[in-house]
């Protein structure tokens, strides 16, 4: 039996990169995957790849920075499948340079998607899982969510905020059997998700499917076990 057989998983930002790798991997393991991202044409490509491999998936265009679109995503998932077992909040953007050079517009855009959007998803997913008596929320943060360097102020602030949401929600979820975890990867070969293993290896960056395997690990832990934070760094990176 496949390890996620019968599970319903919503993965945001799954039209490309880490989110796509997670969606494909979940589909391989038997989950029905709701592929959600802004670029609906690429969402359909992910769905087609999941189905081609024998899995089940559905695409819904979603901009997580828009509260009503997040609510619609959750409502449509419940209407189709009746529940949400796993929610992976992966959608995000990078922006901003040195703090003194970052415009308010860029700051708001990064926060609007990375932090505000993740909040919308966490809130809606948590509310539904509370009704169901449990579930798993995985937030994709970053090493920039536990560290910060020059030129990453805005992005790091958004990812640090995600870590705070994760920790608070994990504490709030214990009474309802809702597990909440964060994955914090360093530089990932996002654009190589459909490349060959050799091309990914040659990039000398983290394989997006290693992040997907980490999500699988979290999704298949026993009901009494939770990992709150996993940091995935590049081999040889200087901490």
Protein backbone atom coordinates (compact mmCIF):
# COMPACT_ATOMS: atom_id res chain seq x y z
CA UNK A 1 0.00 0.00 0.00
CA UNK A 2 1.25 3.48 -0.83
CA UNK A 3 2.14 5.55 2.22
CA UNK A 4 -0.31 8.40 1.57
CA UNK A 5 -3.10 6.28 0.12
CA UNK A 6 -6.46 8.00 0.61
CA UNK A 7 -5.01 11.26 1.92
CA UNK A 8 -6.10 14.65 0.59
CA UNK A 9 -3.16 17.07 0.29
CA UNK A 10 -3.26 20.75 -0.66
CA UNK A 11 0.10 22.08 -1.86
CA UNK A 12 0.41 25.80 -2.59
CA UNK A 13 2.99 27.09 -5.03
CA UNK A 14 3.02 23.66 -6.66
CA UNK A 15 3.19 24.83 -10.27
CA UNK A 16 7.00 24.73 -10.11
CA UNK A 17 10.03 24.26 -7.87
CA UNK A 18 9.80 22.79 -4.37
CA UNK A 19 6.01 22.80 -4.38
CA UNK A 20 5.86 20.84 -7.62
CA UNK A 21 8.39 18.30 -6.33
CA UNK A 22 6.26 17.80 -3.20
CA UNK A 23 3.05 17.50 -5.21
CA UNK A 24 4.60 14.91 -7.54
CA UNK A 25 6.03 12.92 -4.65
CA UNK A 26 2.77 12.97 -2.70
CA UNK A 27 0.94 11.84 -5.83
CA UNK A 28 3.36 8.93 -6.26
CA UNK A 29 2.58 7.83 -2.72
CA UNK A 30 -1.17 7.76 -3.27
CA UNK A 31 -2.39 11.15 -2.07
CA UNK A 32 -4.98 13.09 -4.00
CA UNK A 33 -3.19 16.39 -4.57
CA UNK A 34 -4.79 19.81 -4.93
CA UNK A 35 -2.28 21.80 -6.99
CA UNK A 36 -2.64 25.49 -6.15
CA UNK A 37 -0.65 28.40 -7.59
CA UNK A 38 -1.07 31.64 -9.53
CA UNK A 39 0.05 30.22 -12.89
CA UNK A 40 -2.87 27.97 -13.70
CA UNK A 41 -1.34 26.66 -16.93
CA UNK A 42 1.63 25.32 -14.98
CA UNK A 43 -0.73 23.93 -12.34
CA UNK A 44 -2.37 21.85 -15.05
CA UNK A 45 1.05 20.61 -16.16
CA UNK A 46 1.75 19.40 -12.62
CA UNK A 47 -1.65 17.71 -12.50
CA UNK A 48 -0.97 16.01 -15.84
CA UNK A 49 2.36 14.67 -14.58
CA UNK A 50 0.75 13.31 -11.41
CA UNK A 51 -1.98 11.59 -13.42
CA UNK A 52 0.50 10.24 -15.94
CA UNK A 53 2.27 8.53 -13.05
CA UNK A 54 -1.01 6.97 -11.95
CA UNK A 55 -1.97 9.50 -9.30
CA UNK A 56 -4.94 11.76 -8.68
CA UNK A 57 -4.86 15.57 -8.71
CA UNK A 58 -6.85 18.71 -9.29
CA UNK A 59 -5.67 22.24 -10.19
CA UNK A 60 -6.99 25.48 -8.74
CA UNK A 61 -5.57 28.88 -9.54
CA UNK A 62 -4.77 30.58 -6.25
CA UNK A 63 -2.92 33.72 -5.25
CA UNK A 64 -2.37 33.19 -1.53
CA UNK A 65 -1.93 36.92 -0.94
CA UNK A 66 -5.66 37.24 -1.65
CA UNK A 67 -7.73 36.12 1.33
CA UNK A 68 -10.81 35.32 -0.73
CA UNK A 69 -8.81 33.08 -3.06
CA UNK A 70 -7.39 31.10 -0.15
CA UNK A 71 -10.88 30.65 1.28
CA UNK A 72 -12.13 29.54 -2.15
CA UNK A 73 -9.29 27.00 -2.38
CA UNK A 74 -10.23 25.43 0.92
CA UNK A 75 -13.96 25.50 0.19
CA UNK A 76 -13.51 23.88 -3.23
CA UNK A 77 -11.27 21.19 -1.75
CA UNK A 78 -13.90 20.36 0.88
CA UNK A 79 -16.67 20.39 -1.73
CA UNK A 80 -14.75 17.91 -3.90
CA UNK A 81 -13.11 15.65 -1.34
CA UNK A 82 -14.77 16.31 2.01
CA UNK A 83 -11.62 17.00 4.01
CA UNK A 84 -8.00 18.16 4.08
CA UNK A 85 -5.45 15.81 5.64
CA UNK A 86 -2.23 17.62 4.69
CA UNK A 87 -1.63 21.28 3.89
CA UNK A 88 1.76 22.33 2.54
CA UNK A 89 2.24 26.11 2.52
CA UNK A 90 5.01 26.52 -0.02
CA UNK A 91 4.00 29.52 -2.14
CA UNK A 92 6.37 32.43 -1.71
CA UNK A 93 8.44 35.09 -3.42
CA UNK A 94 11.91 36.53 -2.99
CA UNK A 95 12.48 40.25 -2.97
CA UNK A 96 14.25 43.15 -1.39
CA UNK A 97 17.96 43.77 -1.04
CA UNK A 98 19.69 45.75 1.65
CA UNK A 99 17.17 47.23 4.04
CA UNK A 100 18.08 50.86 3.30
CA UNK A 101 17.55 50.24 -0.41
CA UNK A 102 14.27 48.33 -0.21
CA UNK A 103 11.12 50.16 -1.26
CA UNK A 104 7.91 49.97 0.74
CA UNK A 105 6.23 48.45 -2.32
CA UNK A 106 8.66 45.53 -2.45
CA UNK A 107 8.49 45.05 1.31
CA UNK A 108 4.69 44.89 1.18
CA UNK A 109 4.72 42.48 -1.77
CA UNK A 110 7.07 40.05 -0.04
CA UNK A 111 5.22 40.22 3.26
CA UNK A 112 1.85 40.02 1.50
CA UNK A 113 2.67 36.67 -0.07
CA UNK A 114 5.17 35.04 2.26
CA UNK A 115 3.78 35.99 5.64
CA UNK A 116 0.25 37.29 5.14
CA UNK A 117 -0.52 34.59 2.55
CA UNK A 118 0.87 31.83 4.73
CA UNK A 119 -1.22 33.18 7.61
CA UNK A 120 -4.37 33.00 5.46
CA UNK A 121 -3.57 29.40 4.52
CA UNK A 122 -2.67 28.36 8.07
CA UNK A 123 -5.83 29.88 9.48
CA UNK A 124 -8.16 28.32 6.92
CA UNK A 125 -6.44 24.93 7.03
CA UNK A 126 -6.35 24.86 10.83
CA UNK A 127 -10.03 25.72 11.08
CA UNK A 128 -10.92 22.84 8.76
CA UNK A 129 -8.61 20.32 10.43
CA UNK A 130 -10.03 21.26 13.82
CA UNK A 131 -13.46 20.19 12.52
CA UNK A 132 -11.96 16.94 11.24
CA UNK A 133 -10.16 16.07 14.45
CA UNK A 134 -6.60 16.38 13.20
CA UNK A 135 -4.24 16.92 10.31
CA UNK A 136 -0.79 18.09 9.29
CA UNK A 137 0.38 21.55 8.23
CA UNK A 138 3.85 21.91 6.73
CA UNK A 139 5.18 25.43 6.23
CA UNK A 140 8.09 25.87 3.85
CA UNK A 141 10.30 28.47 5.48
CA UNK A 142 14.03 28.87 4.76
CA UNK A 143 17.42 28.97 6.43
CA UNK A 144 16.67 32.69 6.19
CA UNK A 145 13.90 31.98 8.69
CA UNK A 146 16.43 30.98 11.32
CA UNK A 147 19.33 33.18 10.18
CA UNK A 148 19.73 36.51 8.38
CA UNK A 149 22.44 38.04 6.24
CA UNK A 150 23.08 41.39 4.58
CA UNK A 151 20.77 41.80 1.62
CA UNK A 152 18.09 39.42 2.93
CA UNK A 153 16.33 41.65 5.47
CA UNK A 154 12.85 41.68 3.93
CA UNK A 155 12.86 38.04 2.86
CA UNK A 156 14.33 36.93 6.19
CA UNK A 157 11.75 38.93 8.12
CA UNK A 158 8.96 37.20 6.21
CA UNK A 159 10.46 33.76 6.82
CA UNK A 160 11.14 34.47 10.50
CA UNK A 161 7.47 35.39 10.70
CA UNK A 162 6.55 32.01 9.22
CA UNK A 163 8.61 30.32 11.92
CA UNK A 164 6.68 32.23 14.59
CA UNK A 165 3.37 31.22 13.00
CA UNK A 166 4.54 27.62 12.87
CA UNK A 167 5.59 27.50 16.52
CA UNK A 168 2.44 29.20 17.75
CA UNK A 169 0.15 27.05 15.62
CA UNK A 170 1.94 23.88 16.71
CA UNK A 171 1.22 24.78 20.33
CA UNK A 172 -2.39 25.65 19.55
CA UNK A 173 -2.87 22.47 17.52
CA UNK A 174 -1.82 19.93 20.13
CA UNK A 175 -5.25 19.76 21.71
CA UNK A 176 -6.82 19.06 18.33
CA UNK A 177 -4.29 16.51 17.01
CA UNK A 178 -3.07 19.00 14.42
CA UNK A 179 0.67 18.75 13.79
CA UNK A 180 2.52 21.77 12.43
CA UNK A 181 6.07 21.64 11.10
CA UNK A 182 8.47 23.86 9.19
CA UNK A 183 11.06 22.89 6.59
CA UNK A 184 13.91 25.38 6.26
CA UNK A 185 15.95 24.74 3.10
CA UNK A 186 18.94 26.69 1.83
CA UNK A 187 19.57 27.25 -1.88
CA UNK A 188 17.37 24.83 -3.84
CA UNK A 189 17.61 24.07 -7.56
CA UNK A 190 13.99 25.18 -8.00
CA UNK A 191 14.08 25.63 -11.76
CA UNK A 192 15.50 22.12 -12.25
CA UNK A 193 12.51 20.23 -10.85
CA UNK A 194 11.92 18.68 -14.29
CA UNK A 195 15.63 18.27 -15.11
CA UNK A 196 17.67 15.09 -15.02
CA UNK A 197 19.27 13.93 -11.76
CA UNK A 198 22.66 14.70 -13.30
CA UNK A 199 21.67 18.29 -14.07
CA UNK A 200 20.41 18.78 -10.53
CA UNK A 201 23.59 17.27 -9.10
CA UNK A 202 25.76 19.50 -11.26
CA UNK A 203 23.97 22.60 -9.96
CA UNK A 204 25.58 21.99 -6.54
CA UNK A 205 22.36 23.15 -4.95
CA UNK A 206 19.80 21.25 -2.90
CA UNK A 207 17.74 18.80 -4.91
CA UNK A 208 14.06 19.86 -4.76
CA UNK A 209 13.16 16.20 -4.35
CA UNK A 210 15.22 16.09 -1.15
CA UNK A 211 12.84 18.73 0.20
CA UNK A 212 9.94 16.60 -1.06
CA UNK A 213 11.35 13.56 0.75
CA UNK A 214 11.54 15.64 3.91
CA UNK A 215 7.87 16.52 3.49
CA UNK A 216 7.13 12.80 2.99
CA UNK A 217 9.01 12.02 6.21
CA UNK A 218 6.88 14.51 8.12
CA UNK A 219 3.68 13.26 6.49
CA UNK A 220 4.32 9.62 7.43
CA UNK A 221 5.41 9.95 11.04
CA UNK A 222 3.36 8.15 13.68
CA UNK A 223 0.39 9.96 15.16
CA UNK A 224 2.24 10.67 18.43
CA UNK A 225 5.37 12.08 16.78
CA UNK A 226 5.95 15.60 15.48
CA UNK A 227 9.08 17.34 14.20
CA UNK A 228 8.73 21.08 14.57
CA UNK A 229 11.64 22.23 12.41
CA UNK A 230 13.96 20.70 9.82
CA UNK A 231 16.89 22.70 8.42
CA UNK A 232 18.24 21.51 5.06
CA UNK A 233 21.56 23.10 4.17
CA UNK A 234 23.88 22.68 1.22
CA UNK A 235 26.85 20.42 1.76
CA UNK A 236 29.83 22.57 2.65
CA UNK A 237 27.80 25.69 3.39
CA UNK A 238 29.35 28.03 5.94
CA UNK A 239 27.18 28.55 8.98
